[in-house]
Amino acid sequence: MRPARAGDEAGIVDLIVPIQSGEFGFSITAADQPDLADIDGFYRQGAGAFWVAEDDGRIVGTIALKDFGDGQGALRKMFVAVSHRGAIYGIAQRLLDTLFAHAKVNGLSVVLLGTTDRFLAAHRFYEKNAFSAINASDLPPAFPRMALDTRFYRRVV
């Protein structure tokens, strides 16, 4: 587990896009996600950050925090390779714990996220980690909503 660094972009895309398009059938490419080509410019503003989990030089997990002001952050780009999912590895939990420790130290009080109805295991994971489902109408106006987001969660840090 470490902060993403220059040169990680290809490994991040190689993890995320196949999960989005292959595993879940979304018609989305790296070009549709310019934040992945400019991690520093998009995520590392204010309290924002981006982390990767690595195994033998291969990126097997990602998570990002987008600071969108007023003490609030958006959890984005949480993905774990199929080969590294589950409690035996604990990668998803460590990524989330890293994000919350960072958010707390950096003065964020709330983390929100948007996801899709298809990510059922993710819904269970978020709910197990004290996220509460909220309506889209309850999102702050500055929340960086993605076009594919259909389900939303909130957690106090």
N, C-alpha and C. Protein backbone atom coordinates (compact mmCIF):
# COMPACT_ATOMS: atom_id res chain seq x y z
N MET A 1 0.86 -1.16 0.00
CA MET A 1 0.00 0.00 0.00
C MET A 1 0.91 1.22 0.00
N ARG A 2 0.63 2.13 -0.96
CA ARG A 2 1.46 3.34 -1.04
C ARG A 2 0.72 4.39 -1.86
N PRO A 3 1.14 5.65 -1.70
CA PRO A 3 0.57 6.68 -2.58
C PRO A 3 0.94 6.39 -4.03
N ALA A 4 0.03 6.68 -4.92
CA ALA A 4 0.33 6.54 -6.36
C ALA A 4 1.43 7.53 -6.70
N ARG A 5 2.25 7.16 -7.67
CA ARG A 5 3.33 8.04 -8.09
C ARG A 5 3.41 8.08 -9.61
N ALA A 6 4.16 9.02 -10.12
CA ALA A 6 4.35 9.13 -11.56
C ALA A 6 4.84 7.80 -12.09
N GLY A 7 4.27 7.38 -13.20
CA GLY A 7 4.61 6.10 -13.80
C GLY A 7 3.61 5.00 -13.48
N ASP A 8 2.71 5.25 -12.52
CA ASP A 8 1.69 4.25 -12.14
C ASP A 8 0.47 4.28 -13.05
N GLU A 9 0.34 5.30 -13.88
CA GLU A 9 -0.89 5.50 -14.65
C GLU A 9 -1.29 4.27 -15.46
N ALA A 10 -0.36 3.67 -16.17
CA ALA A 10 -0.69 2.51 -17.00
C ALA A 10 -1.17 1.34 -16.14
N GLY A 11 -0.52 1.10 -15.03
CA GLY A 11 -0.94 0.02 -14.13
C GLY A 11 -2.30 0.27 -13.52
N ILE A 12 -2.59 1.53 -13.22
CA ILE A 12 -3.90 1.89 -12.67
C ILE A 12 -4.98 1.66 -13.72
N VAL A 13 -4.75 2.12 -14.93
CA VAL A 13 -5.71 1.91 -16.02
C VAL A 13 -5.89 0.42 -16.30
N ASP A 14 -4.78 -0.33 -16.30
CA ASP A 14 -4.84 -1.78 -16.56
C ASP A 14 -5.65 -2.53 -15.51
N LEU A 15 -5.75 -1.98 -14.31
CA LEU A 15 -6.59 -2.58 -13.27
C LEU A 15 -8.04 -2.15 -13.43
N ILE A 16 -8.27 -0.85 -13.53
CA ILE A 16 -9.62 -0.29 -13.44
C ILE A 16 -10.49 -0.56 -14.68
N VAL A 17 -9.98 -0.26 -15.84
CA VAL A 17 -10.82 -0.35 -17.05
C VAL A 17 -11.33 -1.77 -17.31
N PRO A 18 -10.50 -2.82 -17.20
CA PRO A 18 -11.05 -4.17 -17.41
C PRO A 18 -12.13 -4.56 -16.39
N ILE A 19 -12.03 -4.06 -15.17
CA ILE A 19 -13.08 -4.35 -14.19
C ILE A 19 -14.37 -3.65 -14.62
N GLN A 20 -14.25 -2.38 -14.99
CA GLN A 20 -15.44 -1.62 -15.40
C GLN A 20 -16.09 -2.21 -16.66
N SER A 21 -15.27 -2.47 -17.67
CA SER A 21 -15.82 -2.89 -18.96
C SER A 21 -16.01 -4.40 -19.06
N GLY A 22 -15.01 -5.17 -18.65
CA GLY A 22 -15.09 -6.62 -18.79
C GLY A 22 -15.96 -7.28 -17.74
N GLU A 23 -15.68 -6.98 -16.49
CA GLU A 23 -16.39 -7.64 -15.39
C GLU A 23 -17.83 -7.13 -15.25
N PHE A 24 -18.03 -5.84 -15.44
CA PHE A 24 -19.35 -5.27 -15.20
C PHE A 24 -20.06 -4.77 -16.46
N GLY A 25 -19.40 -4.82 -17.60
CA GLY A 25 -20.04 -4.53 -18.87
C GLY A 25 -20.35 -3.07 -19.16
N PHE A 26 -19.66 -2.16 -18.50
CA PHE A 26 -19.85 -0.75 -18.80
C PHE A 26 -19.07 -0.38 -20.05
N SER A 27 -19.65 0.46 -20.86
CA SER A 27 -18.98 0.95 -22.05
C SER A 27 -18.17 2.18 -21.65
N ILE A 28 -16.97 1.93 -21.13
CA ILE A 28 -16.12 3.01 -20.62
C ILE A 28 -14.67 2.68 -20.91
N THR A 29 -13.93 3.69 -21.26
CA THR A 29 -12.51 3.51 -21.58
C THR A 29 -11.67 4.44 -20.70
N ALA A 30 -10.37 4.31 -20.81
CA ALA A 30 -9.47 5.22 -20.10
C ALA A 30 -9.69 6.65 -20.58
N ALA A 31 -9.95 6.82 -21.87
CA ALA A 31 -10.17 8.16 -22.43
C ALA A 31 -11.40 8.84 -21.81
N ASP A 32 -12.36 8.04 -21.34
CA ASP A 32 -13.56 8.58 -20.70
C ASP A 32 -13.29 9.02 -19.26
N GLN A 33 -12.08 8.74 -18.77
CA GLN A 33 -11.73 9.02 -17.38
C GLN A 33 -10.42 9.82 -17.32
N PRO A 34 -10.48 11.09 -17.71
CA PRO A 34 -9.25 11.89 -17.76
C PRO A 34 -8.56 12.04 -16.41
N ASP A 35 -9.29 11.82 -15.32
CA ASP A 35 -8.67 11.88 -13.99
C ASP A 35 -7.55 10.85 -13.85
N LEU A 36 -7.64 9.73 -14.57
CA LEU A 36 -6.61 8.69 -14.47
C LEU A 36 -5.32 9.10 -15.16
N ALA A 37 -5.39 10.03 -16.06
CA ALA A 37 -4.19 10.52 -16.75
C ALA A 37 -3.56 11.70 -16.02
N ASP A 38 -4.29 12.28 -15.06
CA ASP A 38 -3.79 13.43 -14.31
C ASP A 38 -4.15 13.29 -12.84
N ILE A 39 -3.62 12.27 -12.20
CA ILE A 39 -3.93 11.98 -10.80
C ILE A 39 -3.57 13.16 -9.91
N ASP A 40 -2.40 13.75 -10.11
CA ASP A 40 -2.00 14.89 -9.28
C ASP A 40 -2.96 16.06 -9.46
N GLY A 41 -3.27 16.39 -10.68
CA GLY A 41 -4.12 17.54 -10.96
C GLY A 41 -5.55 17.35 -10.50
N PHE A 42 -6.05 16.13 -10.55
CA PHE A 42 -7.45 15.89 -10.21
C PHE A 42 -7.63 15.54 -8.73
N TYR A 43 -6.78 14.68 -8.20
CA TYR A 43 -6.98 14.19 -6.83
C TYR A 43 -6.14 14.89 -5.78
N ARG A 44 -4.93 15.25 -6.06
CA ARG A 44 -4.03 15.79 -5.03
C ARG A 44 -4.18 17.29 -4.88
N GLN A 45 -5.39 17.70 -4.60
CA GLN A 45 -5.72 19.08 -4.30
C GLN A 45 -6.34 19.09 -2.91
N GLY A 46 -5.99 20.06 -2.09
CA GLY A 46 -6.53 20.09 -0.72
C GLY A 46 -6.13 18.83 0.02
N ALA A 47 -7.12 18.14 0.57
CA ALA A 47 -6.87 16.91 1.32
C ALA A 47 -6.94 15.67 0.42
N GLY A 48 -7.03 15.87 -0.88
CA GLY A 48 -7.16 14.74 -1.80
C GLY A 48 -5.90 13.90 -1.90
N ALA A 49 -6.08 12.65 -2.31
CA ALA A 49 -4.95 11.71 -2.44
C ALA A 49 -5.39 10.51 -3.29
N PHE A 50 -4.42 9.72 -3.69
CA PHE A 50 -4.67 8.50 -4.48
C PHE A 50 -3.66 7.46 -4.03
N TRP A 51 -4.14 6.26 -3.70
CA TRP A 51 -3.27 5.19 -3.24
C TRP A 51 -3.41 3.96 -4.13
N VAL A 52 -2.37 3.15 -4.14
CA VAL A 52 -2.41 1.87 -4.84
C VAL A 52 -1.95 0.78 -3.89
N ALA A 53 -2.44 -0.43 -4.14
CA ALA A 53 -1.93 -1.63 -3.50
C ALA A 53 -1.15 -2.36 -4.57
N GLU A 54 0.01 -2.83 -4.21
CA GLU A 54 0.91 -3.44 -5.18
C GLU A 54 1.30 -4.84 -4.70
N ASP A 55 1.39 -5.76 -5.63
CA ASP A 55 1.86 -7.11 -5.34
C ASP A 55 2.87 -7.50 -6.41
N ASP A 56 4.08 -7.69 -5.99
CA ASP A 56 5.16 -8.09 -6.90
C ASP A 56 5.26 -7.16 -8.12
N GLY A 57 5.16 -5.85 -7.86
CA GLY A 57 5.31 -4.87 -8.92
C GLY A 57 4.06 -4.59 -9.74
N ARG A 58 2.96 -5.30 -9.46
CA ARG A 58 1.71 -5.10 -10.21
C ARG A 58 0.69 -4.41 -9.31
N ILE A 59 0.03 -3.40 -9.85
CA ILE A 59 -1.02 -2.70 -9.10
C ILE A 59 -2.25 -3.59 -9.06
N VAL A 60 -2.68 -3.93 -7.83
CA VAL A 60 -3.81 -4.83 -7.64
C VAL A 60 -4.97 -4.16 -6.90
N GLY A 61 -4.80 -2.89 -6.53
CA GLY A 61 -5.87 -2.17 -5.85
C GLY A 61 -5.65 -0.67 -5.95
N THR A 62 -6.76 0.07 -5.95
CA THR A 62 -6.69 1.53 -5.98
C THR A 62 -7.81 2.11 -5.12
N ILE A 63 -7.55 3.31 -4.64
CA ILE A 63 -8.59 4.11 -3.97
C ILE A 63 -8.15 5.56 -4.05
N ALA A 64 -9.12 6.45 -4.20
CA ALA A 64 -8.81 7.88 -4.29
C ALA A 64 -9.76 8.67 -3.40
N LEU A 65 -9.26 9.82 -2.98
CA LEU A 65 -10.05 10.77 -2.20
C LEU A 65 -10.00 12.11 -2.92
N LYS A 66 -11.16 12.61 -3.30
CA LYS A 66 -11.28 13.90 -3.97
C LYS A 66 -11.86 14.90 -2.97
N ASP A 67 -11.05 15.88 -2.58
CA ASP A 67 -11.51 16.95 -1.69
C ASP A 67 -12.36 17.90 -2.53
N PHE A 68 -13.64 18.04 -2.18
CA PHE A 68 -14.48 18.96 -2.94
C PHE A 68 -14.99 20.11 -2.09
N GLY A 69 -14.28 20.37 -0.99
CA GLY A 69 -14.55 21.56 -0.19
C GLY A 69 -15.49 21.35 0.97
N ASP A 70 -15.53 22.34 1.84
CA ASP A 70 -16.42 22.37 2.99
C ASP A 70 -16.23 21.17 3.91
N GLY A 71 -14.98 20.68 4.03
CA GLY A 71 -14.69 19.55 4.91
C GLY A 71 -15.21 18.22 4.41
N GLN A 72 -15.47 18.12 3.11
CA GLN A 72 -16.03 16.91 2.54
C GLN A 72 -15.13 16.34 1.46
N GLY A 73 -15.13 15.02 1.35
CA GLY A 73 -14.37 14.35 0.32
C GLY A 73 -15.21 13.29 -0.35
N ALA A 74 -14.82 12.96 -1.57
CA ALA A 74 -15.49 11.90 -2.32
C ALA A 74 -14.54 10.73 -2.47
N LEU A 75 -14.99 9.55 -2.09
CA LEU A 75 -14.24 8.33 -2.32
C LEU A 75 -14.44 7.96 -3.78
N ARG A 76 -13.35 7.76 -4.49
CA ARG A 76 -13.41 7.43 -5.91
C ARG A 76 -12.44 6.30 -6.22
N LYS A 77 -12.66 5.66 -7.34
CA LYS A 77 -11.73 4.70 -7.95
C LYS A 77 -11.29 3.58 -6.99
N MET A 78 -12.24 3.04 -6.23
CA MET A 78 -11.91 1.90 -5.38
C MET A 78 -12.12 0.62 -6.18
N PHE A 79 -11.00 0.00 -6.53
CA PHE A 79 -11.01 -1.23 -7.31
C PHE A 79 -9.94 -2.17 -6.78
N VAL A 80 -10.26 -3.46 -6.75
CA VAL A 80 -9.30 -4.49 -6.36
C VAL A 80 -9.38 -5.61 -7.40
N ALA A 81 -8.22 -6.07 -7.83
CA ALA A 81 -8.15 -7.16 -8.81
C ALA A 81 -8.87 -8.38 -8.27
N VAL A 82 -9.56 -9.10 -9.14
CA VAL A 82 -10.28 -10.32 -8.75
C VAL A 82 -9.36 -11.26 -7.98
N SER A 83 -8.13 -11.38 -8.43
CA SER A 83 -7.17 -12.29 -7.81
C SER A 83 -6.78 -11.90 -6.39
N HIS A 84 -7.12 -10.68 -5.97
CA HIS A 84 -6.69 -10.18 -4.66
C HIS A 84 -7.87 -9.70 -3.80
N ARG A 85 -9.06 -10.17 -4.12
CA ARG A 85 -10.24 -9.78 -3.34
C ARG A 85 -10.45 -10.75 -2.19
N GLY A 86 -11.19 -10.25 -1.22
CA GLY A 86 -11.59 -11.09 -0.11
C GLY A 86 -10.81 -10.82 1.16
N ALA A 87 -11.37 -11.33 2.26
CA ALA A 87 -10.79 -11.10 3.58
C ALA A 87 -9.40 -11.69 3.72
N ILE A 88 -9.10 -12.74 2.97
CA ILE A 88 -7.78 -13.36 3.08
C ILE A 88 -6.66 -12.37 2.73
N TYR A 89 -6.95 -11.47 1.80
CA TYR A 89 -5.97 -10.44 1.42
C TYR A 89 -6.16 -9.15 2.22
N GLY A 90 -7.40 -8.78 2.44
CA GLY A 90 -7.70 -7.57 3.20
C GLY A 90 -7.33 -6.27 2.50
N ILE A 91 -7.14 -6.32 1.20
CA ILE A 91 -6.68 -5.13 0.47
C ILE A 91 -7.73 -4.03 0.48
N ALA A 92 -8.98 -4.37 0.19
CA ALA A 92 -10.03 -3.35 0.17
C ALA A 92 -10.13 -2.66 1.53
N GLN A 93 -10.09 -3.43 2.60
CA GLN A 93 -10.21 -2.85 3.93
C GLN A 93 -9.01 -1.95 4.25
N ARG A 94 -7.82 -2.38 3.89
CA ARG A 94 -6.63 -1.56 4.14
C ARG A 94 -6.66 -0.28 3.32
N LEU A 95 -7.12 -0.36 2.08
CA LEU A 95 -7.24 0.84 1.26
C LEU A 95 -8.23 1.83 1.91
N LEU A 96 -9.37 1.33 2.33
CA LEU A 96 -10.38 2.19 2.94
C LEU A 96 -9.88 2.77 4.26
N ASP A 97 -9.24 1.96 5.07
CA ASP A 97 -8.70 2.44 6.34
C ASP A 97 -7.65 3.53 6.11
N THR A 98 -6.83 3.37 5.09
CA THR A 98 -5.84 4.37 4.73
C THR A 98 -6.51 5.68 4.36
N LEU A 99 -7.56 5.60 3.54
CA LEU A 99 -8.28 6.79 3.13
C LEU A 99 -8.88 7.51 4.33
N PHE A 100 -9.52 6.79 5.25
CA PHE A 100 -10.15 7.43 6.39
C PHE A 100 -9.13 8.03 7.35
N ALA A 101 -8.01 7.37 7.56
CA ALA A 101 -6.97 7.94 8.42
C ALA A 101 -6.46 9.24 7.82
N HIS A 102 -6.26 9.25 6.52
CA HIS A 102 -5.79 10.45 5.82
C HIS A 102 -6.84 11.56 5.91
N ALA A 103 -8.10 11.22 5.67
CA ALA A 103 -9.18 12.21 5.70
C ALA A 103 -9.25 12.87 7.08
N LYS A 104 -9.17 12.06 8.12
CA LYS A 104 -9.28 12.58 9.49
C LYS A 104 -8.12 13.51 9.81
N VAL A 105 -6.90 13.09 9.51
CA VAL A 105 -5.71 13.90 9.79
C VAL A 105 -5.75 15.21 9.00
N ASN A 106 -6.38 15.19 7.83
CA ASN A 106 -6.40 16.35 6.96
C ASN A 106 -7.68 17.19 7.06
N GLY A 107 -8.46 16.95 8.12
CA GLY A 107 -9.57 17.83 8.44
C GLY A 107 -10.87 17.61 7.71
N LEU A 108 -11.02 16.48 7.04
CA LEU A 108 -12.32 16.20 6.42
C LEU A 108 -13.24 15.58 7.46
N SER A 109 -14.51 15.93 7.41
CA SER A 109 -15.46 15.41 8.39
C SER A 109 -16.45 14.42 7.79
N VAL A 110 -16.59 14.44 6.46
CA VAL A 110 -17.55 13.56 5.78
C VAL A 110 -16.92 13.04 4.50
N VAL A 111 -17.18 11.75 4.23
CA VAL A 111 -16.79 11.16 2.95
C VAL A 111 -18.05 10.63 2.31
N LEU A 112 -18.25 11.00 1.05
CA LEU A 112 -19.39 10.53 0.26
C LEU A 112 -18.87 9.72 -0.91
N LEU A 113 -19.72 8.91 -1.48
CA LEU A 113 -19.32 8.17 -2.67
C LEU A 113 -20.54 7.88 -3.53
N GLY A 114 -20.25 7.73 -4.80
CA GLY A 114 -21.25 7.30 -5.75
C GLY A 114 -20.79 6.00 -6.37
N THR A 115 -21.71 5.11 -6.60
CA THR A 115 -21.40 3.82 -7.21
C THR A 115 -22.58 3.43 -8.10
N THR A 116 -22.53 2.25 -8.65
CA THR A 116 -23.61 1.80 -9.51
C THR A 116 -24.40 0.69 -8.84
N ASP A 117 -25.58 0.44 -9.34
CA ASP A 117 -26.41 -0.63 -8.80
C ASP A 117 -25.78 -2.01 -9.04
N ARG A 118 -24.86 -2.11 -9.98
CA ARG A 118 -24.24 -3.39 -10.31
C ARG A 118 -23.17 -3.84 -9.32
N PHE A 119 -22.60 -2.93 -8.56
CA PHE A 119 -21.49 -3.28 -7.65
C PHE A 119 -22.04 -3.76 -6.31
N LEU A 120 -22.74 -4.89 -6.32
CA LEU A 120 -23.43 -5.38 -5.12
C LEU A 120 -22.48 -5.70 -3.97
N ALA A 121 -21.35 -6.32 -4.27
CA ALA A 121 -20.38 -6.62 -3.22
C ALA A 121 -19.84 -5.33 -2.61
N ALA A 122 -19.67 -4.31 -3.43
CA ALA A 122 -19.20 -3.02 -2.93
C ALA A 122 -20.24 -2.41 -1.98
N HIS A 123 -21.51 -2.54 -2.30
CA HIS A 123 -22.55 -2.01 -1.42
C HIS A 123 -22.44 -2.65 -0.04
N ARG A 124 -22.29 -3.97 -0.01
CA ARG A 124 -22.17 -4.67 1.28
C ARG A 124 -20.92 -4.21 2.03
N PHE A 125 -19.83 -4.04 1.31
CA PHE A 125 -18.57 -3.59 1.92
C PHE A 125 -18.74 -2.19 2.52
N TYR A 126 -19.32 -1.27 1.78
CA TYR A 126 -19.50 0.09 2.29
C TYR A 126 -20.42 0.09 3.51
N GLU A 127 -21.50 -0.65 3.45
CA GLU A 127 -22.44 -0.69 4.57
C GLU A 127 -21.78 -1.32 5.80
N LYS A 128 -20.96 -2.32 5.60
CA LYS A 128 -20.22 -2.95 6.71
C LYS A 128 -19.25 -1.95 7.34
N ASN A 129 -18.82 -0.96 6.57
CA ASN A 129 -17.87 0.04 7.03
C ASN A 129 -18.54 1.37 7.39
N ALA A 130 -19.77 1.29 7.86
CA ALA A 130 -20.50 2.41 8.46
C ALA A 130 -20.93 3.50 7.47
N PHE A 131 -20.97 3.18 6.18
CA PHE A 131 -21.55 4.12 5.22
C PHE A 131 -23.07 3.93 5.25
N SER A 132 -23.78 5.03 5.12
CA SER A 132 -25.24 5.00 5.04
C SER A 132 -25.67 5.41 3.64
N ALA A 133 -26.63 4.68 3.09
CA ALA A 133 -27.16 5.03 1.78
C ALA A 133 -27.92 6.35 1.88
N ILE A 134 -27.74 7.19 0.88
CA ILE A 134 -28.46 8.47 0.82
C ILE A 134 -29.06 8.64 -0.58
N ASN A 135 -30.01 9.52 -0.70
CA ASN A 135 -30.61 9.84 -1.99
C ASN A 135 -29.71 10.80 -2.75
N ALA A 136 -29.76 10.73 -4.05
CA ALA A 136 -28.99 11.66 -4.89
C ALA A 136 -29.35 13.10 -4.56
N SER A 137 -30.59 13.34 -4.20
CA SER A 137 -31.02 14.70 -3.87
C SER A 137 -30.37 15.23 -2.60
N ASP A 138 -29.80 14.34 -1.79
CA ASP A 138 -29.13 14.75 -0.55
C ASP A 138 -27.65 15.06 -0.73
N LEU A 139 -27.14 14.88 -1.95
CA LEU A 139 -25.73 15.16 -2.21
C LEU A 139 -25.48 16.66 -2.21
N PRO A 140 -24.33 17.09 -1.67
CA PRO A 140 -23.99 18.50 -1.76
C PRO A 140 -23.82 18.91 -3.23
N PRO A 141 -24.12 20.14 -3.57
CA PRO A 141 -24.01 20.58 -4.97
C PRO A 141 -22.60 20.38 -5.55
N ALA A 142 -21.57 20.46 -4.74
CA ALA A 142 -20.19 20.35 -5.24
C ALA A 142 -19.72 18.90 -5.41
N PHE A 143 -20.54 17.94 -5.01
CA PHE A 143 -20.12 16.53 -5.12
C PHE A 143 -19.80 16.19 -6.57
N PRO A 144 -18.63 15.59 -6.81
CA PRO A 144 -18.23 15.26 -8.20
C PRO A 144 -18.89 13.97 -8.68
N ARG A 145 -20.12 14.09 -9.10
CA ARG A 145 -20.91 12.93 -9.51
C ARG A 145 -20.45 12.42 -10.88
N MET A 146 -20.35 11.10 -11.00
CA MET A 146 -20.00 10.44 -12.25
C MET A 146 -21.29 10.05 -12.98
N ALA A 147 -21.23 10.00 -14.29
CA ALA A 147 -22.41 9.69 -15.09
C ALA A 147 -23.00 8.32 -14.75
N LEU A 148 -22.16 7.35 -14.39
CA LEU A 148 -22.63 5.99 -14.12
C LEU A 148 -23.19 5.83 -12.70
N ASP A 149 -22.98 6.81 -11.83
CA ASP A 149 -23.41 6.69 -10.43
C ASP A 149 -24.94 6.66 -10.33
N THR A 150 -25.42 5.65 -9.60
CA THR A 150 -26.85 5.53 -9.37
C THR A 150 -27.18 5.30 -7.91
N ARG A 151 -26.17 5.04 -7.11
CA ARG A 151 -26.36 4.75 -5.69
C ARG A 151 -25.31 5.56 -4.93
N PHE A 152 -25.72 6.13 -3.78
CA PHE A 152 -24.85 7.05 -3.07
C PHE A 152 -24.79 6.72 -1.59
N TYR A 153 -23.61 6.98 -1.01
CA TYR A 153 -23.36 6.68 0.39
C TYR A 153 -22.66 7.85 1.06
N ARG A 154 -22.82 7.92 2.39
CA ARG A 154 -22.21 8.96 3.21
C ARG A 154 -21.69 8.34 4.49
N ARG A 155 -20.54 8.83 4.94
CA ARG A 155 -19.99 8.40 6.24
C ARG A 155 -19.29 9.57 6.90
N VAL A 156 -19.55 9.73 8.17
CA VAL A 156 -18.85 10.73 8.96
C VAL A 156 -17.48 10.16 9.31
N VAL A 157 -16.45 10.99 9.20
CA VAL A 157 -15.08 10.53 9.47
C VAL A 157 -14.85 10.46 10.96
